[in-house]
Amino acid sequence: MTDKNQNGPEKTDFSPTNEETEQLTVLNPEKNLERDQLLNLSTLVLGDIMGRLTAERFRERDGDRIKLGYLRALTSQMGVHASILKDRDMEQINRKLDLLLEVKQK
């Protein structure tokens, strides 16, 4: 009996990309993930999970439990990263607002 992959060939090139930059590499700490890259990464994770869950049949694969552990860690860090991006954006907005208020008061 042949075990057919329920989702077709497995895609392994899930690196988020940005129009302004080349493919994001995991080992490049000098590049920060921006919102669009974070959204791409989230979309890839969701697509992978939904592809497995919406298939005609679900079969557990070797390594699924390990992968789920890494996905939990990844999604947790994505939330932290999004929060940091939001805080950074808020600081910029507050600075601009302060400048506008100063100009208005003069």
C-alpha atoms as a PDB file:
ATOM      1  CA  MET A   1       0.000   0.000   0.000  1.00  0.00           C
ATOM      2  CA  THR A   2       1.401   3.364  -1.028  1.00  0.00           C
ATOM      3  CA  ASP A   3       1.139   6.310   1.332  1.00  0.00           C
ATOM      4  CA  LYS A   4       0.155   9.226  -0.861  1.00  0.00           C
ATOM      5  CA  ASN A   5       0.918  12.699   0.374  1.00  0.00           C
ATOM      6  CA  GLN A   6      -2.420  14.358   1.079  1.00  0.00           C
ATOM      7  CA  ASN A   7      -1.242  17.818   0.046  1.00  0.00           C
ATOM      8  CA  GLY A   8       0.820  17.034  -3.035  1.00  0.00           C
ATOM      9  CA  PRO A   9       4.553  17.644  -3.054  1.00  0.00           C
ATOM     10  CA  GLU A  10       5.747  19.373   0.072  1.00  0.00           C
ATOM     11  CA  LYS A  11       6.930  22.920  -0.496  1.00  0.00           C
ATOM     12  CA  THR A  12      10.114  23.726   1.392  1.00  0.00           C
ATOM     13  CA  ASP A  13      11.028  27.234   0.206  1.00  0.00           C
ATOM     14  CA  PHE A  14       8.926  29.148   2.746  1.00  0.00           C
ATOM     15  CA  SER A  15      11.205  32.175   3.157  1.00  0.00           C
ATOM     16  CA  PRO A  16       9.317  35.464   3.436  1.00  0.00           C
ATOM     17  CA  THR A  17      10.350  38.063   0.897  1.00  0.00           C
ATOM     18  CA  ASN A  18      10.006  41.781   0.506  1.00  0.00           C
ATOM     19  CA  GLU A  19       9.985  43.722  -2.749  1.00  0.00           C
ATOM     20  CA  GLU A  20      12.713  46.009  -1.414  1.00  0.00           C
ATOM     21  CA  THR A  21      15.001  43.243  -0.140  1.00  0.00           C
ATOM     22  CA  GLU A  22      16.092  39.858  -1.289  1.00  0.00           C
ATOM     23  CA  GLN A  23      14.983  36.657   0.399  1.00  0.00           C
ATOM     24  CA  LEU A  24      15.208  36.892   4.144  1.00  0.00           C
ATOM     25  CA  THR A  25      17.739  34.528   5.640  1.00  0.00           C
ATOM     26  CA  VAL A  26      17.381  33.176   9.130  1.00  0.00           C
ATOM     27  CA  LEU A  27      21.058  33.633   9.922  1.00  0.00           C
ATOM     28  CA  ASN A  28      21.230  37.322   9.015  1.00  0.00           C
ATOM     29  CA  PRO A  29      20.701  39.247  12.272  1.00  0.00           C
ATOM     30  CA  GLU A  30      21.508  42.585  10.594  1.00  0.00           C
ATOM     31  CA  LYS A  31      18.156  42.663   8.762  1.00  0.00           C
ATOM     32  CA  ASN A  32      15.033  43.402  10.764  1.00  0.00           C
ATOM     33  CA  LEU A  33      11.706  41.889   9.830  1.00  0.00           C
ATOM     34  CA  GLU A  34       9.238  44.576   8.848  1.00  0.00           C
ATOM     35  CA  ARG A  35       5.451  44.301   8.962  1.00  0.00           C
ATOM     36  CA  ASP A  36       5.028  42.990   5.422  1.00  0.00           C
ATOM     37  CA  GLN A  37       7.644  40.277   5.961  1.00  0.00           C
ATOM     38  CA  LEU A  38       6.028  39.301   9.246  1.00  0.00           C
ATOM     39  CA  LEU A  39       2.672  39.078   7.488  1.00  0.00           C
ATOM     40  CA  ASN A  40       4.216  36.903   4.744  1.00  0.00           C
ATOM     41  CA  LEU A  41       5.685  34.601   7.366  1.00  0.00           C
ATOM     42  CA  SER A  42       2.348  34.368   9.155  1.00  0.00           C
ATOM     43  CA  THR A  43       0.604  33.617   5.852  1.00  0.00           C
ATOM     44  CA  LEU A  44       3.049  30.809   5.117  1.00  0.00           C
ATOM     45  CA  VAL A  45       2.549  29.248   8.546  1.00  0.00           C
ATOM     46  CA  LEU A  46      -1.235  29.493   8.246  1.00  0.00           C
ATOM     47  CA  GLY A  47      -1.151  28.082   4.713  1.00  0.00           C
ATOM     48  CA  ASP A  48       0.927  25.122   5.844  1.00  0.00           C
ATOM     49  CA  ILE A  49      -1.379  24.367   8.762  1.00  0.00           C
ATOM     50  CA  MET A  50      -4.595  24.891   6.784  1.00  0.00           C
ATOM     51  CA  GLY A  51      -3.290  22.734   3.947  1.00  0.00           C
ATOM     52  CA  ARG A  52      -2.867  19.864   6.364  1.00  0.00           C
ATOM     53  CA  LEU A  53      -6.167  20.410   8.184  1.00  0.00           C
ATOM     54  CA  THR A  54      -8.371  20.820   5.124  1.00  0.00           C
ATOM     55  CA  ALA A  55      -7.016  17.830   3.234  1.00  0.00           C
ATOM     56  CA  GLU A  56      -9.307  14.951   2.440  1.00  0.00           C
ATOM     57  CA  ARG A  57      -7.513  12.737   4.966  1.00  0.00           C
ATOM     58  CA  PHE A  58      -5.202  13.663   7.798  1.00  0.00           C
ATOM     59  CA  ARG A  59      -2.273  11.436   8.603  1.00  0.00           C
ATOM     60  CA  GLU A  60       0.262  12.249  11.219  1.00  0.00           C
ATOM     61  CA  ARG A  61       3.762  12.479   9.779  1.00  0.00           C
ATOM     62  CA  ASP A  62       7.037  11.721  11.448  1.00  0.00           C
ATOM     63  CA  GLY A  63       8.224  14.914  13.079  1.00  0.00           C
ATOM     64  CA  ASP A  64       4.792  16.562  13.334  1.00  0.00           C
ATOM     65  CA  ARG A  65       5.077  16.930  17.098  1.00  0.00           C
ATOM     66  CA  ILE A  66       8.495  18.541  16.821  1.00  0.00           C
ATOM     67  CA  LYS A  67       7.263  20.822  14.039  1.00  0.00           C
ATOM     68  CA  LEU A  68       4.286  21.912  16.158  1.00  0.00           C
ATOM     69  CA  GLY A  69       6.651  22.826  18.980  1.00  0.00           C
ATOM     70  CA  TYR A  70       8.693  25.002  16.644  1.00  0.00           C
ATOM     71  CA  LEU A  71       5.524  26.533  15.185  1.00  0.00           C
ATOM     72  CA  ARG A  72       4.346  27.452  18.692  1.00  0.00           C
ATOM     73  CA  ALA A  73       7.695  29.107  19.416  1.00  0.00           C
ATOM     74  CA  LEU A  74       7.615  30.880  16.052  1.00  0.00           C
ATOM     75  CA  THR A  75       4.101  32.238  16.521  1.00  0.00           C
ATOM     76  CA  SER A  76       4.961  33.399  20.030  1.00  0.00           C
ATOM     77  CA  GLN A  77       8.009  35.266  18.750  1.00  0.00           C
ATOM     78  CA  MET A  78       5.997  36.710  15.865  1.00  0.00           C
ATOM     79  CA  GLY A  79       3.630  38.205  18.446  1.00  0.00           C
ATOM     80  CA  VAL A  80       6.528  39.686  20.389  1.00  0.00           C
ATOM     81  CA  HIS A  81       8.013  41.053  17.173  1.00  0.00           C
ATOM     82  CA  ALA A  82       4.707  42.602  16.107  1.00  0.00           C
ATOM     83  CA  SER A  83       4.399  44.245  19.517  1.00  0.00           C
ATOM     84  CA  ILE A  84       7.897  45.719  19.219  1.00  0.00           C
ATOM     85  CA  LEU A  85       7.070  47.031  15.736  1.00  0.00           C
ATOM     86  CA  LYS A  86       3.880  48.602  17.075  1.00  0.00           C
ATOM     87  CA  ASP A  87       5.774  50.254  19.945  1.00  0.00           C
ATOM     88  CA  ARG A  88       8.386  51.589  17.529  1.00  0.00           C
ATOM     89  CA  ASP A  89       5.690  52.972  15.261  1.00  0.00           C
ATOM     90  CA  MET A  90       3.912  54.574  18.219  1.00  0.00           C
ATOM     91  CA  GLU A  91       7.131  56.303  19.296  1.00  0.00           C
ATOM     92  CA  GLN A  92       7.507  57.761  15.807  1.00  0.00           C
ATOM     93  CA  ILE A  93       3.864  58.884  15.765  1.00  0.00           C
ATOM     94  CA  ASN A  94       4.229  60.496  19.202  1.00  0.00           C
ATOM     95  CA  ARG A  95       7.363  62.383  18.093  1.00  0.00           C
ATOM     96  CA  LYS A  96       5.571  63.672  15.005  1.00  0.00           C
ATOM     97  CA  LEU A  97       2.561  64.657  17.100  1.00  0.00           C
ATOM     98  CA  ASP A  98       4.796  66.548  19.546  1.00  0.00           C
ATOM     99  CA  LEU A  99       6.403  68.420  16.652  1.00  0.00           C
ATOM    100  CA  LEU A 100       3.002  69.312  15.234  1.00  0.00           C
ATOM    101  CA  LEU A 101       1.812  70.571  18.621  1.00  0.00           C
ATOM    102  CA  GLU A 102       4.932  72.691  18.986  1.00  0.00           C
ATOM    103  CA  VAL A 103       4.400  74.227  15.562  1.00  0.00           C
ATOM    104  CA  LYS A 104       0.733  74.870  16.322  1.00  0.00           C
ATOM    105  CA  GLN A 105       1.549  76.612  19.624  1.00  0.00           C
ATOM    106  CA  LYS A 106       3.956  79.060  17.955  1.00  0.00           C
END
